């Protein structure tokens, strides 16, 4: 069973992007591209939504 997914390979070679610990050690992309496999339909996807940047100053009430 896979323990990591290579976020680089996920888009170009999805079948080989899912890695067990042994395969992850041999994988060419490097561990900075690895994301953990978790129980989520969004596994392997970044949480960034591309939304507008909002600058918050110390006067802004967040809650």
Protein backbone atom coordinates (compact mmCIF):
# COMPACT_ATOMS: atom_id res chain seq x y z
CA UNK A 1 0.00 0.00 0.00
CA UNK A 2 1.23 3.50 -0.81
CA UNK A 3 2.34 5.81 1.96
CA UNK A 4 3.28 8.84 -0.18
CA UNK A 5 2.17 10.46 -3.42
CA UNK A 6 4.58 12.45 -5.60
CA UNK A 7 2.82 15.72 -6.34
CA UNK A 8 5.00 16.27 -9.42
CA UNK A 9 4.27 12.89 -11.01
CA UNK A 10 0.59 12.98 -10.08
CA UNK A 11 -0.18 15.22 -13.08
CA UNK A 12 1.97 13.48 -15.69
CA UNK A 13 2.19 9.84 -14.60
CA UNK A 14 -0.55 9.20 -12.04
CA UNK A 15 -0.13 5.43 -12.09
CA UNK A 16 3.48 5.72 -10.87
CA UNK A 17 2.92 8.65 -8.49
CA UNK A 18 1.72 6.47 -5.59
CA UNK A 19 4.72 5.21 -3.64
CA UNK A 20 5.39 2.76 -0.83
CA UNK A 21 8.24 3.65 1.57
CA UNK A 22 10.73 1.50 -0.36
CA UNK A 23 9.81 2.99 -3.75
CA UNK A 24 9.84 6.51 -2.30
CA UNK A 25 13.52 6.07 -1.36
CA UNK A 26 14.31 5.21 -5.00
CA UNK A 27 12.03 7.80 -6.63
CA UNK A 28 13.78 10.39 -8.83
CA UNK A 29 11.78 13.50 -7.95
CA UNK A 30 12.95 13.87 -4.35
CA UNK A 31 11.04 13.86 -1.10
CA UNK A 32 10.22 17.58 -1.25
CA UNK A 33 7.50 16.57 -3.74
CA UNK A 34 5.98 13.87 -1.51
CA UNK A 35 2.67 14.30 0.25
CA UNK A 36 1.32 11.75 2.73
CA UNK A 37 -1.47 9.42 1.67
CA UNK A 38 -4.41 10.16 3.95
CA UNK A 39 -8.07 9.20 4.02
CA UNK A 40 -9.32 12.12 1.95
CA UNK A 41 -10.78 12.54 -1.55
CA UNK A 42 -8.31 15.42 -2.01
CA UNK A 43 -5.14 13.42 -1.28
CA UNK A 44 -2.26 14.74 -3.37
CA UNK A 45 -3.84 18.14 -3.88
CA UNK A 46 -2.64 21.40 -2.43
CA UNK A 47 -5.10 23.35 -0.27
CA UNK A 48 -4.40 26.60 -2.13
CA UNK A 49 -7.56 27.90 -3.78
CA UNK A 50 -6.07 30.78 -5.74
CA UNK A 51 -8.21 33.25 -3.87
CA UNK A 52 -7.51 36.92 -3.52
CA UNK A 53 -4.85 37.94 -1.01
CA UNK A 54 -6.22 39.79 1.97
CA UNK A 55 -3.92 41.90 4.11
CA UNK A 56 -4.98 42.01 7.74
CA UNK A 57 -3.78 44.73 10.03
CA UNK A 58 -3.70 44.61 13.82
CA UNK A 59 -7.03 46.47 14.01
CA UNK A 60 -8.98 43.85 12.08
CA UNK A 61 -11.25 41.68 14.19
CA UNK A 62 -11.03 38.08 13.01
CA UNK A 63 -13.61 36.40 15.21
